[in-house]
Amino acid sequence: MSTQPAISTPTDSTWRASAPHVRKALAFLKRKGSVTADELVAWDNTHGRRLFEWNDPEAAEDWRRHQARLFLNSFRAVFDGMRVRGYIHIRKDEATDIKASGYVNVDTITQHQGMRAQVVDDITRRMKMLASELKMWRLTPTERAVLFAQLAEAMA
């Protein structure tokens, strides 16, 4: 019989910064200054097993799904002379005639307005997130100029 307490796994809770178990983990990270993934897993193991999946069969299935996503994201295609991901995850959207979620090859995406719009929206969202991160670093005017030049070159 297990002596581990009943736990809440990431599948039925979130990693909100306001959650008590997450705040404790963040305090641990701050105290340590630098941690490895192994250290964080070990910390969670001794502090209630609240951050990660501890049910081995479920964790194994989660890991295989993660590996499947890595597999699909690892392929590249050359499209109009540019090297891009070969498969991109598309979400179901009845309004734009996307009948199911799944990984779709870029050739198909380029032929479907709804899928194409979803990809462009996702890239735009990620660019805004990166811009927020760059804002934190207070780039000098010269650093900004270099960044925008590199972006313009990449998009040309």
C-alpha atoms as a PDB file:
ATOM      1  CA  MET A   1       0.000   0.000   0.000  1.00  0.00           C
ATOM      2  CA  SER A   2       1.337   3.444  -0.927  1.00  0.00           C
ATOM      3  CA  THR A   3       2.012   5.973   1.788  1.00  0.00           C
ATOM      4  CA  GLN A   4       1.914   8.838  -0.706  1.00  0.00           C
ATOM      5  CA  PRO A   5      -0.875  11.351  -0.077  1.00  0.00           C
ATOM      6  CA  ALA A   6      -3.662  11.829  -2.600  1.00  0.00           C
ATOM      7  CA  ILE A   7      -2.297  14.155  -5.213  1.00  0.00           C
ATOM      8  CA  SER A   8      -3.452  16.553  -7.839  1.00  0.00           C
ATOM      9  CA  THR A   9      -1.715  16.073 -11.167  1.00  0.00           C
ATOM     10  CA  PRO A  10      -1.105  18.625 -13.935  1.00  0.00           C
ATOM     11  CA  THR A  11      -4.007  17.074 -15.833  1.00  0.00           C
ATOM     12  CA  ASP A  12      -6.522  18.232 -13.226  1.00  0.00           C
ATOM     13  CA  SER A  13      -4.816  21.372 -11.968  1.00  0.00           C
ATOM     14  CA  THR A  14      -2.825  24.185 -13.475  1.00  0.00           C
ATOM     15  CA  TRP A  15       0.518  25.775 -12.872  1.00  0.00           C
ATOM     16  CA  ARG A  16      -0.979  29.164 -12.003  1.00  0.00           C
ATOM     17  CA  ALA A  17       1.564  31.285 -10.141  1.00  0.00           C
ATOM     18  CA  SER A  18      -1.073  31.916  -7.447  1.00  0.00           C
ATOM     19  CA  ALA A  19      -1.510  28.212  -6.617  1.00  0.00           C
ATOM     20  CA  PRO A  20       0.074  27.413  -3.220  1.00  0.00           C
ATOM     21  CA  HIS A  21       2.084  24.420  -4.478  1.00  0.00           C
ATOM     22  CA  VAL A  22       3.376  26.472  -7.421  1.00  0.00           C
ATOM     23  CA  ARG A  23       4.325  29.369  -5.118  1.00  0.00           C
ATOM     24  CA  LYS A  24       6.323  26.930  -2.956  1.00  0.00           C
ATOM     25  CA  ALA A  25       8.097  25.583  -6.035  1.00  0.00           C
ATOM     26  CA  LEU A  26       8.884  29.114  -7.232  1.00  0.00           C
ATOM     27  CA  ALA A  27      10.280  29.966  -3.787  1.00  0.00           C
ATOM     28  CA  PHE A  28      12.486  26.864  -4.021  1.00  0.00           C
ATOM     29  CA  LEU A  29      13.702  27.977  -7.472  1.00  0.00           C
ATOM     30  CA  LYS A  30      14.445  31.473  -6.191  1.00  0.00           C
ATOM     31  CA  ARG A  31      16.387  30.135  -3.193  1.00  0.00           C
ATOM     32  CA  LYS A  32      18.433  27.817  -5.387  1.00  0.00           C
ATOM     33  CA  GLY A  33      19.096  30.423  -8.050  1.00  0.00           C
ATOM     34  CA  SER A  34      19.702  27.673 -10.584  1.00  0.00           C
ATOM     35  CA  VAL A  35      18.226  24.180 -10.771  1.00  0.00           C
ATOM     36  CA  THR A  36      18.230  21.226 -13.100  1.00  0.00           C
ATOM     37  CA  ALA A  37      15.057  19.458 -14.217  1.00  0.00           C
ATOM     38  CA  ASP A  38      16.121  16.481 -12.081  1.00  0.00           C
ATOM     39  CA  GLU A  39      16.380  18.706  -8.994  1.00  0.00           C
ATOM     40  CA  LEU A  40      12.901  20.131  -9.573  1.00  0.00           C
ATOM     41  CA  VAL A  41      11.415  16.641 -10.030  1.00  0.00           C
ATOM     42  CA  ALA A  42      13.159  15.492  -6.832  1.00  0.00           C
ATOM     43  CA  TRP A  43      11.855  18.565  -4.975  1.00  0.00           C
ATOM     44  CA  ASP A  44       8.303  17.851  -6.164  1.00  0.00           C
ATOM     45  CA  ASN A  45       8.652  14.206  -5.131  1.00  0.00           C
ATOM     46  CA  THR A  46       9.408  15.269  -1.559  1.00  0.00           C
ATOM     47  CA  HIS A  47       6.862  18.121  -1.448  1.00  0.00           C
ATOM     48  CA  GLY A  48       3.538  16.492  -2.283  1.00  0.00           C
ATOM     49  CA  ARG A  49       3.968  15.463  -5.924  1.00  0.00           C
ATOM     50  CA  ARG A  50       1.775  18.306  -7.166  1.00  0.00           C
ATOM     51  CA  LEU A  51       3.663  19.640 -10.188  1.00  0.00           C
ATOM     52  CA  PHE A  52       4.112  16.555 -12.356  1.00  0.00           C
ATOM     53  CA  GLU A  53       2.381  13.335 -13.339  1.00  0.00           C
ATOM     54  CA  TRP A  54       3.346  10.647 -10.848  1.00  0.00           C
ATOM     55  CA  ASN A  55       1.121   7.840 -12.094  1.00  0.00           C
ATOM     56  CA  ASP A  56       3.665   5.835 -14.109  1.00  0.00           C
ATOM     57  CA  PRO A  57       1.300   4.433 -16.791  1.00  0.00           C
ATOM     58  CA  GLU A  58      -0.264   7.879 -17.349  1.00  0.00           C
ATOM     59  CA  ALA A  59       3.154   9.553 -17.309  1.00  0.00           C
ATOM     60  CA  ALA A  60       4.411   7.051 -19.875  1.00  0.00           C
ATOM     61  CA  GLU A  61       1.457   7.818 -22.161  1.00  0.00           C
ATOM     62  CA  ASP A  62       2.005  11.573 -21.671  1.00  0.00           C
ATOM     63  CA  TRP A  63       5.664  11.106 -22.561  1.00  0.00           C
ATOM     64  CA  ARG A  64       4.818   9.145 -25.724  1.00  0.00           C
ATOM     65  CA  ARG A  65       2.379  11.896 -26.811  1.00  0.00           C
ATOM     66  CA  HIS A  66       5.115  14.463 -26.143  1.00  0.00           C
ATOM     67  CA  GLN A  67       7.553  12.409 -28.225  1.00  0.00           C
ATOM     68  CA  ALA A  68       4.968  12.187 -31.026  1.00  0.00           C
ATOM     69  CA  ARG A  69       4.687  15.996 -31.037  1.00  0.00           C
ATOM     70  CA  LEU A  70       8.489  16.271 -31.135  1.00  0.00           C
ATOM     71  CA  PHE A  71       8.558  13.791 -34.022  1.00  0.00           C
ATOM     72  CA  LEU A  72       5.992  15.775 -36.010  1.00  0.00           C
ATOM     73  CA  ASN A  73       7.706  19.085 -35.228  1.00  0.00           C
ATOM     74  CA  SER A  74      11.125  17.792 -36.297  1.00  0.00           C
ATOM     75  CA  PHE A  75      10.420  17.587 -40.022  1.00  0.00           C
ATOM     76  CA  ARG A  76      11.128  20.497 -42.331  1.00  0.00           C
ATOM     77  CA  ALA A  77       9.914  21.248 -45.810  1.00  0.00           C
ATOM     78  CA  VAL A  78      11.210  23.644 -48.417  1.00  0.00           C
ATOM     79  CA  PHE A  79       8.362  25.873 -49.479  1.00  0.00           C
ATOM     80  CA  ASP A  80       8.925  28.720 -51.950  1.00  0.00           C
ATOM     81  CA  GLY A  81      12.664  28.434 -51.254  1.00  0.00           C
ATOM     82  CA  MET A  82      12.224  28.717 -47.469  1.00  0.00           C
ATOM     83  CA  ARG A  83      12.816  25.990 -44.931  1.00  0.00           C
ATOM     84  CA  VAL A  84       9.741  25.677 -42.675  1.00  0.00           C
ATOM     85  CA  ARG A  85       8.190  23.087 -40.383  1.00  0.00           C
ATOM     86  CA  GLY A  86       6.660  20.306 -42.454  1.00  0.00           C
ATOM     87  CA  TYR A  87       3.705  19.742 -40.116  1.00  0.00           C
ATOM     88  CA  ILE A  88       1.892  22.288 -37.972  1.00  0.00           C
ATOM     89  CA  HIS A  89      -0.780  21.665 -35.347  1.00  0.00           C
ATOM     90  CA  ILE A  90      -4.139  23.065 -36.419  1.00  0.00           C
ATOM     91  CA  ARG A  91      -7.107  23.471 -34.055  1.00  0.00           C
ATOM     92  CA  LYS A  92     -10.637  22.453 -34.946  1.00  0.00           C
ATOM     93  CA  ASP A  93     -12.694  25.453 -36.010  1.00  0.00           C
ATOM     94  CA  GLU A  94     -16.140  24.878 -37.495  1.00  0.00           C
ATOM     95  CA  ALA A  95     -16.382  28.567 -38.483  1.00  0.00           C
ATOM     96  CA  THR A  96     -13.470  28.157 -40.924  1.00  0.00           C
ATOM     97  CA  ASP A  97     -14.341  24.602 -41.995  1.00  0.00           C
ATOM     98  CA  ILE A  98     -11.595  22.881 -39.984  1.00  0.00           C
ATOM     99  CA  LYS A  99     -13.313  19.674 -38.947  1.00  0.00           C
ATOM    100  CA  ALA A 100     -10.716  18.249 -36.519  1.00  0.00           C
ATOM    101  CA  SER A 101      -7.573  19.202 -34.611  1.00  0.00           C
ATOM    102  CA  GLY A 102      -4.329  17.604 -35.696  1.00  0.00           C
ATOM    103  CA  TYR A 103      -0.978  18.012 -37.386  1.00  0.00           C
ATOM    104  CA  VAL A 104      -1.345  19.069 -41.016  1.00  0.00           C
ATOM    105  CA  ASN A 105       1.355  19.343 -43.681  1.00  0.00           C
ATOM    106  CA  VAL A 106       2.219  22.862 -44.844  1.00  0.00           C
ATOM    107  CA  ASP A 107       1.132  22.175 -48.433  1.00  0.00           C
ATOM    108  CA  THR A 108      -2.415  21.534 -47.211  1.00  0.00           C
ATOM    109  CA  ILE A 109      -2.341  24.533 -44.873  1.00  0.00           C
ATOM    110  CA  THR A 110      -1.367  26.926 -47.661  1.00  0.00           C
ATOM    111  CA  GLN A 111      -4.417  25.821 -49.668  1.00  0.00           C
ATOM    112  CA  HIS A 112      -6.920  26.412 -46.817  1.00  0.00           C
ATOM    113  CA  GLN A 113      -7.659  30.010 -45.778  1.00  0.00           C
ATOM    114  CA  GLY A 114      -8.794  29.073 -42.253  1.00  0.00           C
ATOM    115  CA  MET A 115      -5.704  26.965 -41.546  1.00  0.00           C
ATOM    116  CA  ARG A 116      -3.417  29.596 -43.042  1.00  0.00           C
ATOM    117  CA  ALA A 117      -5.034  32.315 -40.887  1.00  0.00           C
ATOM    118  CA  GLN A 118      -4.608  30.149 -37.788  1.00  0.00           C
ATOM    119  CA  VAL A 119      -0.875  29.707 -38.476  1.00  0.00           C
ATOM    120  CA  VAL A 120      -0.331  33.424 -39.157  1.00  0.00           C
ATOM    121  CA  ASP A 121      -2.246  34.326 -35.967  1.00  0.00           C
ATOM    122  CA  ASP A 122      -0.123  31.881 -33.948  1.00  0.00           C
ATOM    123  CA  ILE A 123       3.135  33.271 -35.359  1.00  0.00           C
ATOM    124  CA  THR A 124       1.948  36.816 -34.640  1.00  0.00           C
ATOM    125  CA  ARG A 125       1.067  35.867 -31.038  1.00  0.00           C
ATOM    126  CA  ARG A 126       4.513  34.295 -30.540  1.00  0.00           C
ATOM    127  CA  MET A 127       6.197  37.385 -32.019  1.00  0.00           C
ATOM    128  CA  LYS A 128       4.308  39.597 -29.545  1.00  0.00           C
ATOM    129  CA  MET A 129       5.439  37.375 -26.674  1.00  0.00           C
ATOM    130  CA  LEU A 130       9.046  37.609 -27.861  1.00  0.00           C
ATOM    131  CA  ALA A 131       8.693  41.391 -28.228  1.00  0.00           C
ATOM    132  CA  SER A 132       7.546  41.552 -24.588  1.00  0.00           C
ATOM    133  CA  GLU A 133      10.601  39.564 -23.545  1.00  0.00           C
ATOM    134  CA  LEU A 134      12.880  41.861 -25.537  1.00  0.00           C
ATOM    135  CA  LYS A 135      11.225  44.894 -23.924  1.00  0.00           C
ATOM    136  CA  MET A 136      12.406  43.628 -20.539  1.00  0.00           C
ATOM    137  CA  TRP A 137      16.019  43.774 -21.760  1.00  0.00           C
ATOM    138  CA  ARG A 138      15.694  47.477 -22.657  1.00  0.00           C
ATOM    139  CA  LEU A 139      17.451  47.239 -26.002  1.00  0.00           C
ATOM    140  CA  THR A 140      19.571  50.175 -27.041  1.00  0.00           C
ATOM    141  CA  PRO A 141      18.612  51.989 -30.266  1.00  0.00           C
ATOM    142  CA  THR A 142      21.507  50.218 -31.999  1.00  0.00           C
ATOM    143  CA  GLU A 143      20.369  46.783 -30.747  1.00  0.00           C
ATOM    144  CA  ARG A 144      16.829  47.541 -31.931  1.00  0.00           C
ATOM    145  CA  ALA A 145      18.064  48.615 -35.352  1.00  0.00           C
ATOM    146  CA  VAL A 146      20.036  45.384 -35.715  1.00  0.00           C
ATOM    147  CA  LEU A 147      17.021  43.345 -34.597  1.00  0.00           C
ATOM    148  CA  PHE A 148      14.659  45.024 -37.070  1.00  0.00           C
ATOM    149  CA  ALA A 149      17.196  44.675 -39.875  1.00  0.00           C
ATOM    150  CA  GLN A 150      17.513  40.958 -39.147  1.00  0.00           C
ATOM    151  CA  LEU A 151      13.737  40.577 -39.069  1.00  0.00           C
ATOM    152  CA  ALA A 152      13.336  42.439 -42.353  1.00  0.00           C
ATOM    153  CA  GLU A 153      16.046  40.267 -43.938  1.00  0.00           C
ATOM    154  CA  ALA A 154      14.402  37.074 -42.698  1.00  0.00           C
ATOM    155  CA  MET A 155      11.037  38.142 -44.120  1.00  0.00           C
ATOM    156  CA  ALA A 156      12.413  39.330 -47.485  1.00  0.00           C
END
